[in-house]
Amino acid sequence: MKKSSDDVKMISGEAPIVFSKACDLFIEDLTQRSWIDDDHARQEEDASQGVIVD
């Protein structure tokens, strides 16, 4: 986040809250994507070894 102008001396009190929520959503998305990728890789590994997993 950056100030829109050099004349701006303060940011809104809501800005840290919005930024914090954006960080939370970003981390949640990264976590979900890593779990999906890991699950997909594990299924491919099991299939290549002939393992049947329910």
PDB file of N, CA and C in Angstrom:
ATOM      1  N   MET A   1       0.853  -1.172   0.000  1.00  0.00           N
ATOM      2  CA  MET A   1       0.000   0.000   0.000  1.00  0.00           C
ATOM      3  C   MET A   1       0.895   1.230   0.000  1.00  0.00           C
ATOM      4  N   LYS A   2       0.464   2.220  -0.726  1.00  0.00           N
ATOM      5  CA  LYS A   2       1.254   3.440  -0.730  1.00  0.00           C
ATOM      6  C   LYS A   2       0.338   4.651  -0.745  1.00  0.00           C
ATOM      7  N   LYS A   3       0.870   5.762  -0.332  1.00  0.00           N
ATOM      8  CA  LYS A   3       0.103   6.998  -0.333  1.00  0.00           C
ATOM      9  C   LYS A   3      -0.114   7.459  -1.765  1.00  0.00           C
ATOM     10  N   SER A   4      -1.276   8.021  -2.030  1.00  0.00           N
ATOM     11  CA  SER A   4      -1.583   8.468  -3.387  1.00  0.00           C
ATOM     12  C   SER A   4      -0.889   9.779  -3.735  1.00  0.00           C
ATOM     13  N   SER A   5      -0.441  10.502  -2.723  1.00  0.00           N
ATOM     14  CA  SER A   5       0.185  11.799  -2.963  1.00  0.00           C
ATOM     15  C   SER A   5       1.185  12.092  -1.850  1.00  0.00           C
ATOM     16  N   ASP A   6       2.186  12.892  -2.162  1.00  0.00           N
ATOM     17  CA  ASP A   6       3.157  13.276  -1.140  1.00  0.00           C
ATOM     18  C   ASP A   6       2.542  14.200  -0.097  1.00  0.00           C
ATOM     19  N   ASP A   7       1.404  14.840  -0.439  1.00  0.00           N
ATOM     20  CA  ASP A   7       0.728  15.744   0.483  1.00  0.00           C
ATOM     21  C   ASP A   7       0.012  14.991   1.607  1.00  0.00           C
ATOM     22  N   VAL A   8      -0.194  13.698   1.409  1.00  0.00           N
ATOM     23  CA  VAL A   8      -0.904  12.898   2.408  1.00  0.00           C
ATOM     24  C   VAL A   8       0.051  12.579   3.548  1.00  0.00           C
ATOM     25  N   LYS A   9      -0.338  12.959   4.755  1.00  0.00           N
ATOM     26  CA  LYS A   9       0.526  12.736   5.926  1.00  0.00           C
ATOM     27  C   LYS A   9       0.087  11.533   6.756  1.00  0.00           C
ATOM     28  N   MET A  10      -1.195  11.179   6.689  1.00  0.00           N
ATOM     29  CA  MET A  10      -1.720  10.074   7.492  1.00  0.00           C
ATOM     30  C   MET A  10      -2.578   9.169   6.608  1.00  0.00           C
ATOM     31  N   ILE A  11      -2.696   7.918   7.026  1.00  0.00           N
ATOM     32  CA  ILE A  11      -3.587   6.999   6.334  1.00  0.00           C
ATOM     33  C   ILE A  11      -4.819   6.775   7.197  1.00  0.00           C
ATOM     34  N   SER A  12      -5.860   6.298   6.587  1.00  0.00           N
ATOM     35  CA  SER A  12      -7.100   6.026   7.304  1.00  0.00           C
ATOM     36  C   SER A  12      -6.861   4.986   8.395  1.00  0.00           C
ATOM     37  N   GLY A  13      -7.635   5.075   9.457  1.00  0.00           N
ATOM     38  CA  GLY A  13      -7.534   4.089  10.531  1.00  0.00           C
ATOM     39  C   GLY A  13      -7.961   2.707  10.082  1.00  0.00           C
ATOM     40  N   GLU A  14      -8.715   2.629   8.981  1.00  0.00           N
ATOM     41  CA  GLU A  14      -9.171   1.335   8.463  1.00  0.00           C
ATOM     42  C   GLU A  14      -8.092   0.617   7.662  1.00  0.00           C
ATOM     43  N   ALA A  15      -7.100   1.355   7.166  1.00  0.00           N
ATOM     44  CA  ALA A  15      -6.096   0.770   6.268  1.00  0.00           C
ATOM     45  C   ALA A  15      -5.368  -0.433   6.884  1.00  0.00           C
ATOM     46  N   PRO A  16      -4.906  -0.363   8.142  1.00  0.00           N
ATOM     47  CA  PRO A  16      -4.241  -1.551   8.708  1.00  0.00           C
ATOM     48  C   PRO A  16      -5.169  -2.761   8.814  1.00  0.00           C
ATOM     49  N   ILE A  17      -6.438  -2.522   9.073  1.00  0.00           N
ATOM     50  CA  ILE A  17      -7.403  -3.620   9.182  1.00  0.00           C
ATOM     51  C   ILE A  17      -7.620  -4.259   7.815  1.00  0.00           C
ATOM     52  N   VAL A  18      -7.787  -3.425   6.792  1.00  0.00           N
ATOM     53  CA  VAL A  18      -7.979  -3.933   5.438  1.00  0.00           C
ATOM     54  C   VAL A  18      -6.736  -4.697   4.979  1.00  0.00           C
ATOM     55  N   PHE A  19      -5.569  -4.146   5.250  1.00  0.00           N
ATOM     56  CA  PHE A  19      -4.314  -4.800   4.865  1.00  0.00           C
ATOM     57  C   PHE A  19      -4.164  -6.141   5.582  1.00  0.00           C
ATOM     58  N   SER A  20      -4.523  -6.188   6.850  1.00  0.00           N
ATOM     59  CA  SER A  20      -4.439  -7.425   7.624  1.00  0.00           C
ATOM     60  C   SER A  20      -5.367  -8.494   7.040  1.00  0.00           C
ATOM     61  N   LYS A  21      -6.574  -8.103   6.677  1.00  0.00           N
ATOM     62  CA  LYS A  21      -7.534  -9.047   6.098  1.00  0.00           C
ATOM     63  C   LYS A  21      -7.027  -9.550   4.748  1.00  0.00           C
ATOM     64  N   ALA A  22      -6.449  -8.652   3.951  1.00  0.00           N
ATOM     65  CA  ALA A  22      -5.893  -9.052   2.654  1.00  0.00           C
ATOM     66  C   ALA A  22      -4.773 -10.079   2.848  1.00  0.00           C
ATOM     67  N   CYS A  23      -3.920  -9.869   3.847  1.00  0.00           N
ATOM     68  CA  CYS A  23      -2.847 -10.826   4.143  1.00  0.00           C
ATOM     69  C   CYS A  23      -3.422 -12.169   4.572  1.00  0.00           C
ATOM     70  N   ASP A  24      -4.441 -12.152   5.409  1.00  0.00           N
ATOM     71  CA  ASP A  24      -5.093 -13.391   5.848  1.00  0.00           C
ATOM     72  C   ASP A  24      -5.638 -14.171   4.653  1.00  0.00           C
ATOM     73  N   LEU A  25      -6.326 -13.478   3.746  1.00  0.00           N
ATOM     74  CA  LEU A  25      -6.900 -14.141   2.574  1.00  0.00           C
ATOM     75  C   LEU A  25      -5.810 -14.685   1.659  1.00  0.00           C
ATOM     76  N   PHE A  26      -4.714 -13.950   1.519  1.00  0.00           N
ATOM     77  CA  PHE A  26      -3.601 -14.401   0.688  1.00  0.00           C
ATOM     78  C   PHE A  26      -2.976 -15.675   1.255  1.00  0.00           C
ATOM     79  N   ILE A  27      -2.739 -15.698   2.553  1.00  0.00           N
ATOM     80  CA  ILE A  27      -2.153 -16.870   3.201  1.00  0.00           C
ATOM     81  C   ILE A  27      -3.098 -18.065   3.118  1.00  0.00           C
ATOM     82  N   GLU A  28      -4.394 -17.820   3.303  1.00  0.00           N
ATOM     83  CA  GLU A  28      -5.379 -18.898   3.194  1.00  0.00           C
ATOM     84  C   GLU A  28      -5.376 -19.487   1.785  1.00  0.00           C
ATOM     85  N   ASP A  29      -5.306 -18.632   0.769  1.00  0.00           N
ATOM     86  CA  ASP A  29      -5.283 -19.101  -0.613  1.00  0.00           C
ATOM     87  C   ASP A  29      -4.021 -19.920  -0.892  1.00  0.00           C
ATOM     88  N   LEU A  30      -2.868 -19.438  -0.432  1.00  0.00           N
ATOM     89  CA  LEU A  30      -1.623 -20.195  -0.611  1.00  0.00           C
ATOM     90  C   LEU A  30      -1.697 -21.563   0.049  1.00  0.00           C
ATOM     91  N   THR A  31      -2.282 -21.609   1.244  1.00  0.00           N
ATOM     92  CA  THR A  31      -2.412 -22.873   1.967  1.00  0.00           C
ATOM     93  C   THR A  31      -3.300 -23.851   1.211  1.00  0.00           C
ATOM     94  N   GLN A  32      -4.446 -23.366   0.730  1.00  0.00           N
ATOM     95  CA  GLN A  32      -5.355 -24.234  -0.018  1.00  0.00           C
ATOM     96  C   GLN A  32      -4.701 -24.762  -1.287  1.00  0.00           C
ATOM     97  N   ARG A  33      -3.990 -23.885  -1.994  1.00  0.00           N
ATOM     98  CA  ARG A  33      -3.332 -24.320  -3.227  1.00  0.00           C
ATOM     99  C   ARG A  33      -2.249 -25.363  -2.949  1.00  0.00           C
ATOM    100  N   SER A  34      -1.517 -25.200  -1.849  1.00  0.00           N
ATOM    101  CA  SER A  34      -0.464 -26.171  -1.535  1.00  0.00           C
ATOM    102  C   SER A  34      -1.067 -27.518  -1.155  1.00  0.00           C
ATOM    103  N   TRP A  35      -2.179 -27.531  -0.426  1.00  0.00           N
ATOM    104  CA  TRP A  35      -2.840 -28.782  -0.080  1.00  0.00           C
ATOM    105  C   TRP A  35      -3.347 -29.487  -1.337  1.00  0.00           C
ATOM    106  N   ILE A  36      -3.933 -28.729  -2.260  1.00  0.00           N
ATOM    107  CA  ILE A  36      -4.437 -29.322  -3.502  1.00  0.00           C
ATOM    108  C   ILE A  36      -3.288 -29.909  -4.302  1.00  0.00           C
ATOM    109  N   ASP A  37      -2.197 -29.157  -4.423  1.00  0.00           N
ATOM    110  CA  ASP A  37      -1.036 -29.621  -5.169  1.00  0.00           C
ATOM    111  C   ASP A  37      -0.439 -30.868  -4.524  1.00  0.00           C
ATOM    112  N   ASP A  38      -0.327 -30.876  -3.206  1.00  0.00           N
ATOM    113  CA  ASP A  38       0.231 -32.024  -2.488  1.00  0.00           C
ATOM    114  C   ASP A  38      -0.642 -33.255  -2.673  1.00  0.00           C
ATOM    115  N   ASP A  39      -1.966 -33.064  -2.583  1.00  0.00           N
ATOM    116  CA  ASP A  39      -2.894 -34.184  -2.745  1.00  0.00           C
ATOM    117  C   ASP A  39      -2.800 -34.749  -4.164  1.00  0.00           C
ATOM    118  N   HIS A  40      -2.723 -33.861  -5.137  1.00  0.00           N
ATOM    119  CA  HIS A  40      -2.620 -34.297  -6.532  1.00  0.00           C
ATOM    120  C   HIS A  40      -1.315 -35.076  -6.759  1.00  0.00           C
ATOM    121  N   ALA A  41      -0.223 -34.574  -6.228  1.00  0.00           N
ATOM    122  CA  ALA A  41       1.075 -35.250  -6.380  1.00  0.00           C
ATOM    123  C   ALA A  41       1.053 -36.616  -5.697  1.00  0.00           C
ATOM    124  N   ARG A  42       0.431 -36.685  -4.527  1.00  0.00           N
ATOM    125  CA  ARG A  42       0.353 -37.955  -3.794  1.00  0.00           C
ATOM    126  C   ARG A  42      -0.467 -38.977  -4.583  1.00  0.00           C
ATOM    127  N   GLN A  43      -1.568 -38.529  -5.200  1.00  0.00           N
ATOM    128  CA  GLN A  43      -2.389 -39.449  -5.995  1.00  0.00           C
ATOM    129  C   GLN A  43      -1.615 -39.968  -7.198  1.00  0.00           C
ATOM    130  N   GLU A  44      -0.850 -39.091  -7.853  1.00  0.00           N
ATOM    131  CA  GLU A  44      -0.041 -39.532  -8.998  1.00  0.00           C
ATOM    132  C   GLU A  44       1.022 -40.539  -8.568  1.00  0.00           C
ATOM    133  N   GLU A  45       1.632 -40.278  -7.416  1.00  0.00           N
ATOM    134  CA  GLU A  45       2.671 -41.202  -6.911  1.00  0.00           C
ATOM    135  C   GLU A  45       2.057 -42.557  -6.592  1.00  0.00           C
ATOM    136  N   ASP A  46       0.894 -42.558  -5.946  1.00  0.00           N
ATOM    137  CA  ASP A  46       0.224 -43.812  -5.609  1.00  0.00           C
ATOM    138  C   ASP A  46      -0.177 -44.575  -6.883  1.00  0.00           C
ATOM    139  N   ALA A  47      -0.662 -43.851  -7.878  1.00  0.00           N
ATOM    140  CA  ALA A  47      -1.085 -44.484  -9.120  1.00  0.00           C
ATOM    141  C   ALA A  47       0.114 -45.086  -9.860  1.00  0.00           C
ATOM    142  N   SER A  48       1.246 -44.425  -9.813  1.00  0.00           N
ATOM    143  CA  SER A  48       2.430 -44.942 -10.510  1.00  0.00           C
ATOM    144  C   SER A  48       2.993 -46.171  -9.809  1.00  0.00           C
ATOM    145  N   GLN A  49       2.698 -46.322  -8.522  1.00  0.00           N
ATOM    146  CA  GLN A  49       3.175 -47.485  -7.778  1.00  0.00           C
ATOM    147  C   GLN A  49       2.136 -48.594  -7.722  1.00  0.00           C
ATOM    148  N   GLY A  50       0.965 -48.352  -8.325  1.00  0.00           N
ATOM    149  CA  GLY A  50      -0.086 -49.366  -8.338  1.00  0.00           C
ATOM    150  C   GLY A  50      -0.797 -49.514  -7.015  1.00  0.00           C
ATOM    151  N   VAL A  51      -0.785 -48.481  -6.202  1.00  0.00           N
ATOM    152  CA  VAL A  51      -1.430 -48.526  -4.888  1.00  0.00           C
ATOM    153  C   VAL A  51      -2.854 -48.013  -5.043  1.00  0.00           C
ATOM    154  N   ILE A  52      -3.805 -48.734  -4.460  1.00  0.00           N
ATOM    155  CA  ILE A  52      -5.201 -48.322  -4.493  1.00  0.00           C
ATOM    156  C   ILE A  52      -5.523 -47.651  -3.161  1.00  0.00           C
ATOM    157  N   VAL A  53      -5.997 -46.429  -3.225  1.00  0.00           N
ATOM    158  CA  VAL A  53      -6.298 -45.670  -2.014  1.00  0.00           C
ATOM    159  C   VAL A  53      -7.753 -45.242  -2.064  1.00  0.00           C
ATOM    160  N   ASP A  54      -8.487 -45.504  -0.990  1.00  0.00           N
ATOM    161  CA  ASP A  54      -9.900 -45.061  -0.915  1.00  0.00           C
ATOM    162  C   ASP A  54      -9.994 -43.676  -0.401  1.00  0.00           C
TER     163      ASP A  54
END
